[in-house]
PDB file of N, CA and C in Angstrom:
ATOM      1  N   UNK A   1      25.023  -0.031  57.847  1.00  0.00           N
ATOM      2  CA  UNK A   1      23.829   0.158  57.350  1.00  0.00           C
ATOM      3  C   UNK A   1      23.960   1.194  56.106  1.00  0.00           C
ATOM      4  N   UNK A   2      23.220   0.578  55.135  1.00  0.00           N
ATOM      5  CA  UNK A   2      23.491   1.506  53.920  1.00  0.00           C
ATOM      6  C   UNK A   2      22.226   2.455  53.686  1.00  0.00           C
ATOM      7  N   UNK A   3      22.504   3.817  53.448  1.00  0.00           N
ATOM      8  CA  UNK A   3      21.417   4.573  53.316  1.00  0.00           C
ATOM      9  C   UNK A   3      20.701   4.393  51.874  1.00  0.00           C
ATOM     10  N   UNK A   4      19.306   4.544  51.823  1.00  0.00           N
ATOM     11  CA  UNK A   4      18.604   4.410  50.700  1.00  0.00           C
ATOM     12  C   UNK A   4      19.115   5.646  49.599  1.00  0.00           C
ATOM     13  N   UNK A   5      19.061   5.213  48.251  1.00  0.00           N
ATOM     14  CA  UNK A   5      19.441   6.184  47.325  1.00  0.00           C
ATOM     15  C   UNK A   5      18.420   7.340  47.334  1.00  0.00           C
ATOM     16  N   UNK A   6      18.799   8.570  47.098  1.00  0.00           N
ATOM     17  CA  UNK A   6      17.817   9.714  47.046  1.00  0.00           C
ATOM     18  C   UNK A   6      16.861   9.547  45.841  1.00  0.00           C
ATOM     19  N   UNK A   7      15.546   9.970  46.103  1.00  0.00           N
ATOM     20  CA  UNK A   7      14.664   9.896  44.954  1.00  0.00           C
ATOM     21  C   UNK A   7      15.137  10.780  43.899  1.00  0.00           C
ATOM     22  N   UNK A   8      15.008  10.324  42.558  1.00  0.00           N
ATOM     23  CA  UNK A   8      15.231  11.215  41.459  1.00  0.00           C
ATOM     24  C   UNK A   8      14.488  12.576  41.257  1.00  0.00           C
ATOM     25  N   UNK A   9      15.189  13.650  40.964  1.00  0.00           N
ATOM     26  CA  UNK A   9      14.476  14.943  40.995  1.00  0.00           C
ATOM     27  C   UNK A   9      14.050  15.243  39.414  1.00  0.00           C
ATOM     28  N   UNK A  10      13.060  15.987  39.377  1.00  0.00           N
ATOM     29  CA  UNK A  10      12.497  16.390  38.001  1.00  0.00           C
ATOM     30  C   UNK A  10      13.395  17.266  37.557  1.00  0.00           C
ATOM     31  N   UNK A  11      13.805  17.308  36.273  1.00  0.00           N
ATOM     32  CA  UNK A  11      14.805  18.264  35.764  1.00  0.00           C
ATOM     33  C   UNK A  11      13.912  19.617  35.527  1.00  0.00           C
ATOM     34  N   UNK A  12      14.642  20.515  35.919  1.00  0.00           N
ATOM     35  CA  UNK A  12      13.928  21.921  35.688  1.00  0.00           C
ATOM     36  C   UNK A  12      14.835  22.636  34.572  1.00  0.00           C
ATOM     37  N   UNK A  13      14.091  23.155  33.644  1.00  0.00           N
ATOM     38  CA  UNK A  13      14.742  23.888  32.560  1.00  0.00           C
ATOM     39  C   UNK A  13      14.922  25.340  32.866  1.00  0.00           C
ATOM     40  N   UNK A  14      16.019  25.952  32.831  1.00  0.00           N
ATOM     41  CA  UNK A  14      16.111  27.365  33.179  1.00  0.00           C
ATOM     42  C   UNK A  14      16.424  28.071  31.832  1.00  0.00           C
ATOM     43  N   UNK A  15      15.708  29.265  31.674  1.00  0.00           N
ATOM     44  CA  UNK A  15      15.708  30.027  30.403  1.00  0.00           C
ATOM     45  C   UNK A  15      16.360  31.415  30.778  1.00  0.00           C
ATOM     46  N   UNK A  16      17.110  31.808  29.616  1.00  0.00           N
ATOM     47  CA  UNK A  16      17.727  33.172  29.876  1.00  0.00           C
ATOM     48  C   UNK A  16      16.539  34.237  29.471  1.00  0.00           C
ATOM     49  N   UNK A  17      16.933  35.499  30.037  1.00  0.00           N
ATOM     50  CA  UNK A  17      15.931  36.526  29.742  1.00  0.00           C
ATOM     51  C   UNK A  17      15.476  36.574  28.285  1.00  0.00           C
ATOM     52  N   UNK A  18      16.618  36.563  27.319  1.00  0.00           N
ATOM     53  CA  UNK A  18      16.319  36.649  25.964  1.00  0.00           C
ATOM     54  C   UNK A  18      15.209  35.607  25.573  1.00  0.00           C
ATOM     55  N   UNK A  19      15.423  34.396  26.038  1.00  0.00           N
ATOM     56  CA  UNK A  19      14.539  33.226  25.649  1.00  0.00           C
ATOM     57  C   UNK A  19      12.972  33.584  26.207  1.00  0.00           C
ATOM     58  N   UNK A  20      13.069  33.973  27.386  1.00  0.00           N
ATOM     59  CA  UNK A  20      11.682  34.221  28.069  1.00  0.00           C
ATOM     60  C   UNK A  20      11.075  35.268  27.151  1.00  0.00           C
ATOM     61  N   UNK A  21      11.953  36.545  26.788  1.00  0.00           N
ATOM     62  CA  UNK A  21      11.262  37.586  26.023  1.00  0.00           C
ATOM     63  C   UNK A  21      10.795  36.979  24.635  1.00  0.00           C
ATOM     64  N   UNK A  22      11.426  36.010  23.985  1.00  0.00           N
ATOM     65  CA  UNK A  22      10.986  35.457  22.778  1.00  0.00           C
ATOM     66  C   UNK A  22       9.864  34.765  22.897  1.00  0.00           C
ATOM     67  N   UNK A  23       9.621  33.899  24.000  1.00  0.00           N
ATOM     68  CA  UNK A  23       8.470  33.125  24.153  1.00  0.00           C
ATOM     69  C   UNK A  23       7.320  33.886  24.305  1.00  0.00           C
ATOM     70  N   UNK A  24       7.395  35.084  25.174  1.00  0.00           N
ATOM     71  CA  UNK A  24       6.383  36.009  25.598  1.00  0.00           C
ATOM     72  C   UNK A  24       6.079  36.946  24.622  1.00  0.00           C
ATOM     73  N   UNK A  25       7.070  37.144  23.631  1.00  0.00           N
ATOM     74  CA  UNK A  25       6.773  38.264  22.470  1.00  0.00           C
ATOM     75  C   UNK A  25       6.857  39.723  23.151  1.00  0.00           C
ATOM     76  N   UNK A  26       7.789  39.931  24.169  1.00  0.00           N
ATOM     77  CA  UNK A  26       7.895  41.151  24.758  1.00  0.00           C
ATOM     78  C   UNK A  26       9.440  41.471  24.671  1.00  0.00           C
ATOM     79  N   UNK A  27       9.772  42.721  25.179  1.00  0.00           N
ATOM     80  CA  UNK A  27      11.184  43.072  25.221  1.00  0.00           C
ATOM     81  C   UNK A  27      11.895  42.368  26.385  1.00  0.00           C
ATOM     82  N   UNK A  28      13.245  42.394  26.229  1.00  0.00           N
ATOM     83  CA  UNK A  28      13.873  41.932  27.432  1.00  0.00           C
ATOM     84  C   UNK A  28      13.729  42.831  28.664  1.00  0.00           C
ATOM     85  N   UNK A  29      13.561  44.113  28.538  1.00  0.00           N
ATOM     86  CA  UNK A  29      13.341  45.012  29.581  1.00  0.00           C
ATOM     87  C   UNK A  29      11.926  44.680  30.349  1.00  0.00           C
ATOM     88  N   UNK A  30      10.899  44.268  29.348  1.00  0.00           N
ATOM     89  CA  UNK A  30       9.749  43.733  30.140  1.00  0.00           C
ATOM     90  C   UNK A  30      10.010  42.560  31.052  1.00  0.00           C
ATOM     91  N   UNK A  31      10.753  41.699  30.720  1.00  0.00           N
ATOM     92  CA  UNK A  31      11.115  40.535  31.459  1.00  0.00           C
ATOM     93  C   UNK A  31      11.728  40.825  32.735  1.00  0.00           C
ATOM     94  N   UNK A  32      12.941  41.840  32.645  1.00  0.00           N
ATOM     95  CA  UNK A  32      13.458  42.471  33.850  1.00  0.00           C
ATOM     96  C   UNK A  32      12.571  42.959  34.699  1.00  0.00           C
ATOM     97  N   UNK A  33      11.612  43.825  34.180  1.00  0.00           N
ATOM     98  CA  UNK A  33      10.647  44.444  35.009  1.00  0.00           C
ATOM     99  C   UNK A  33       9.809  43.560  35.845  1.00  0.00           C
ATOM    100  N   UNK A  34       9.416  42.418  35.057  1.00  0.00           N
ATOM    101  CA  UNK A  34       8.608  41.408  35.716  1.00  0.00           C
ATOM    102  C   UNK A  34       9.356  40.736  36.910  1.00  0.00           C
ATOM    103  N   UNK A  35      10.742  40.359  36.622  1.00  0.00           N
ATOM    104  CA  UNK A  35      11.362  39.679  37.593  1.00  0.00           C
ATOM    105  C   UNK A  35      11.641  40.688  38.825  1.00  0.00           C
ATOM    106  N   UNK A  36      12.128  41.949  38.589  1.00  0.00           N
ATOM    107  CA  UNK A  36      12.290  42.863  39.672  1.00  0.00           C
ATOM    108  C   UNK A  36      11.046  43.178  40.452  1.00  0.00           C
ATOM    109  N   UNK A  37       9.871  43.108  39.815  1.00  0.00           N
ATOM    110  CA  UNK A  37       8.599  43.296  40.478  1.00  0.00           C
ATOM    111  C   UNK A  37       8.053  42.109  41.405  1.00  0.00           C
ATOM    112  N   UNK A  38       8.838  41.038  41.173  1.00  0.00           N
ATOM    113  CA  UNK A  38       8.491  39.842  41.849  1.00  0.00           C
ATOM    114  C   UNK A  38       7.242  39.000  41.123  1.00  0.00           C
ATOM    115  N   UNK A  39       6.864  39.583  39.957  1.00  0.00           N
ATOM    116  CA  UNK A  39       5.709  38.800  39.221  1.00  0.00           C
ATOM    117  C   UNK A  39       6.177  37.595  38.577  1.00  0.00           C
ATOM    118  N   UNK A  40       7.471  37.443  38.418  1.00  0.00           N
ATOM    119  CA  UNK A  40       8.017  36.268  37.525  1.00  0.00           C
ATOM    120  C   UNK A  40       9.238  35.792  38.200  1.00  0.00           C
ATOM    121  N   UNK A  41       9.130  34.552  38.683  1.00  0.00           N
ATOM    122  CA  UNK A  41      10.286  33.999  39.539  1.00  0.00           C
ATOM    123  C   UNK A  41      11.585  33.820  38.684  1.00  0.00           C
ATOM    124  N   UNK A  42      12.673  34.130  39.342  1.00  0.00           N
ATOM    125  CA  UNK A  42      13.949  34.004  38.603  1.00  0.00           C
ATOM    126  C   UNK A  42      15.034  33.713  39.511  1.00  0.00           C
ATOM    127  N   UNK A  43      16.185  33.303  39.061  1.00  0.00           N
ATOM    128  CA  UNK A  43      17.309  32.771  39.882  1.00  0.00           C
ATOM    129  C   UNK A  43      18.458  33.709  39.502  1.00  0.00           C
ATOM    130  N   UNK A  44      19.244  34.196  40.156  1.00  0.00           N
ATOM    131  CA  UNK A  44      20.430  35.057  39.771  1.00  0.00           C
ATOM    132  C   UNK A  44      21.557  34.232  39.750  1.00  0.00           C
ATOM    133  N   UNK A  45      22.187  34.192  38.629  1.00  0.00           N
ATOM    134  CA  UNK A  45      23.457  33.479  38.371  1.00  0.00           C
ATOM    135  C   UNK A  45      24.479  34.499  37.996  1.00  0.00           C
ATOM    136  N   UNK A  46      25.379  34.674  38.922  1.00  0.00           N
ATOM    137  CA  UNK A  46      26.567  35.841  38.707  1.00  0.00           C
ATOM    138  C   UNK A  46      25.685  37.032  38.496  1.00  0.00           C
ATOM    139  N   UNK A  47      25.808  37.709  37.206  1.00  0.00           N
ATOM    140  CA  UNK A  47      25.328  38.929  36.906  1.00  0.00           C
ATOM    141  C   UNK A  47      23.950  38.911  36.184  1.00  0.00           C
ATOM    142  N   UNK A  48      23.650  37.524  35.864  1.00  0.00           N
ATOM    143  CA  UNK A  48      22.452  37.523  34.908  1.00  0.00           C
ATOM    144  C   UNK A  48      21.394  36.709  35.689  1.00  0.00           C
ATOM    145  N   UNK A  49      20.227  36.701  35.164  1.00  0.00           N
ATOM    146  CA  UNK A  49      19.104  36.056  35.638  1.00  0.00           C
ATOM    147  C   UNK A  49      18.724  34.806  34.758  1.00  0.00           C
ATOM    148  N   UNK A  50      18.341  33.866  35.389  1.00  0.00           N
ATOM    149  CA  UNK A  50      17.751  32.519  34.817  1.00  0.00           C
ATOM    150  C   UNK A  50      16.386  32.318  35.299  1.00  0.00           C
ATOM    151  N   UNK A  51      15.219  31.928  34.361  1.00  0.00           N
ATOM    152  CA  UNK A  51      13.923  31.886  34.720  1.00  0.00           C
ATOM    153  C   UNK A  51      13.607  30.332  34.536  1.00  0.00           C
ATOM    154  N   UNK A  52      12.979  29.682  35.716  1.00  0.00           N
ATOM    155  CA  UNK A  52      12.623  28.314  35.579  1.00  0.00           C
ATOM    156  C   UNK A  52      11.389  28.345  34.508  1.00  0.00           C
ATOM    157  N   UNK A  53      11.597  27.407  33.393  1.00  0.00           N
ATOM    158  CA  UNK A  53      10.377  27.364  32.555  1.00  0.00           C
ATOM    159  C   UNK A  53       9.130  27.136  33.201  1.00  0.00           C
ATOM    160  N   UNK A  54       8.848  26.405  34.286  1.00  0.00           N
ATOM    161  CA  UNK A  54       7.534  26.501  34.750  1.00  0.00           C
ATOM    162  C   UNK A  54       6.900  27.944  35.423  1.00  0.00           C
ATOM    163  N   UNK A  55       7.815  28.678  35.787  1.00  0.00           N
ATOM    164  CA  UNK A  55       7.525  29.944  36.009  1.00  0.00           C
ATOM    165  C   UNK A  55       7.068  30.768  35.044  1.00  0.00           C
ATOM    166  N   UNK A  56       7.546  30.580  33.884  1.00  0.00           N
ATOM    167  CA  UNK A  56       6.869  31.318  32.535  1.00  0.00           C
ATOM    168  C   UNK A  56       5.596  30.823  32.309  1.00  0.00           C
ATOM    169  N   UNK A  57       5.303  29.547  32.258  1.00  0.00           N
ATOM    170  CA  UNK A  57       3.977  28.888  32.102  1.00  0.00           C
ATOM    171  C   UNK A  57       2.993  29.486  33.236  1.00  0.00           C
ATOM    172  N   UNK A  58       3.484  29.388  34.422  1.00  0.00           N
ATOM    173  CA  UNK A  58       2.589  29.814  35.495  1.00  0.00           C
ATOM    174  C   UNK A  58       2.137  31.407  35.444  1.00  0.00           C
ATOM    175  N   UNK A  59       3.310  32.141  34.920  1.00  0.00           N
ATOM    176  CA  UNK A  59       2.875  33.533  34.813  1.00  0.00           C
ATOM    177  C   UNK A  59       1.819  33.824  33.687  1.00  0.00           C
ATOM    178  N   UNK A  60       2.008  32.991  32.568  1.00  0.00           N
ATOM    179  CA  UNK A  60       1.178  33.227  31.417  1.00  0.00           C
ATOM    180  C   UNK A  60      -0.212  32.805  31.600  1.00  0.00           C
ATOM    181  N   UNK A  61      -0.254  31.570  32.390  1.00  0.00           N
ATOM    182  CA  UNK A  61      -1.488  31.146  32.856  1.00  0.00           C
ATOM    183  C   UNK A  61      -2.328  32.167  33.728  1.00  0.00           C
ATOM    184  N   UNK A  62      -1.658  32.708  34.689  1.00  0.00           N
ATOM    185  CA  UNK A  62      -2.154  33.654  35.577  1.00  0.00           C
ATOM    186  C   UNK A  62      -2.472  34.997  34.958  1.00  0.00           C
ATOM    187  N   UNK A  63      -1.958  35.395  33.881  1.00  0.00           N
ATOM    188  CA  UNK A  63      -2.029  36.493  33.106  1.00  0.00           C
ATOM    189  C   UNK A  63      -3.064  36.598  32.214  1.00  0.00           C
ATOM    190  N   UNK A  64      -3.586  35.431  31.875  1.00  0.00           N
ATOM    191  CA  UNK A  64      -4.694  35.239  30.837  1.00  0.00           C
ATOM    192  C   UNK A  64      -5.937  35.956  31.224  1.00  0.00           C
ATOM    193  N   UNK A  65      -6.639  36.616  30.409  1.00  0.00           N
ATOM    194  CA  UNK A  65      -7.790  37.355  30.645  1.00  0.00           C
ATOM    195  C   UNK A  65      -9.008  36.653  29.584  1.00  0.00           C
ATOM    196  N   UNK A  66     -10.176  36.698  30.260  1.00  0.00           N
ATOM    197  CA  UNK A  66     -11.363  36.412  29.518  1.00  0.00           C
ATOM    198  C   UNK A  66     -11.849  37.634  28.785  1.00  0.00           C
ATOM    199  N   UNK A  67     -12.210  37.664  27.490  1.00  0.00           N
ATOM    200  CA  UNK A  67     -12.647  38.691  26.797  1.00  0.00           C
ATOM    201  C   UNK A  67     -14.176  38.298  26.310  1.00  0.00           C
ATOM    202  N   UNK A  68     -15.028  39.078  26.716  1.00  0.00           N
ATOM    203  CA  UNK A  68     -16.425  38.632  26.539  1.00  0.00           C
ATOM    204  C   UNK A  68     -16.862  39.085  24.987  1.00  0.00           C
TER     205      UNK A  68
END
């Protein structure tokens, strides 16, 4: 009996800390602080971090404030 083929997964783009800092227009240290504080999801690859692109979008959406 043959197993069914696995469902295709959505491709997730991972960004470097430098790329995230450029997108958010902050310093790399600010991105590292957000990652270490658990406010921005990241994956450790060796000695560096990679941030899933949806995590940046989610963080920016949640960080938005309404100004009266």
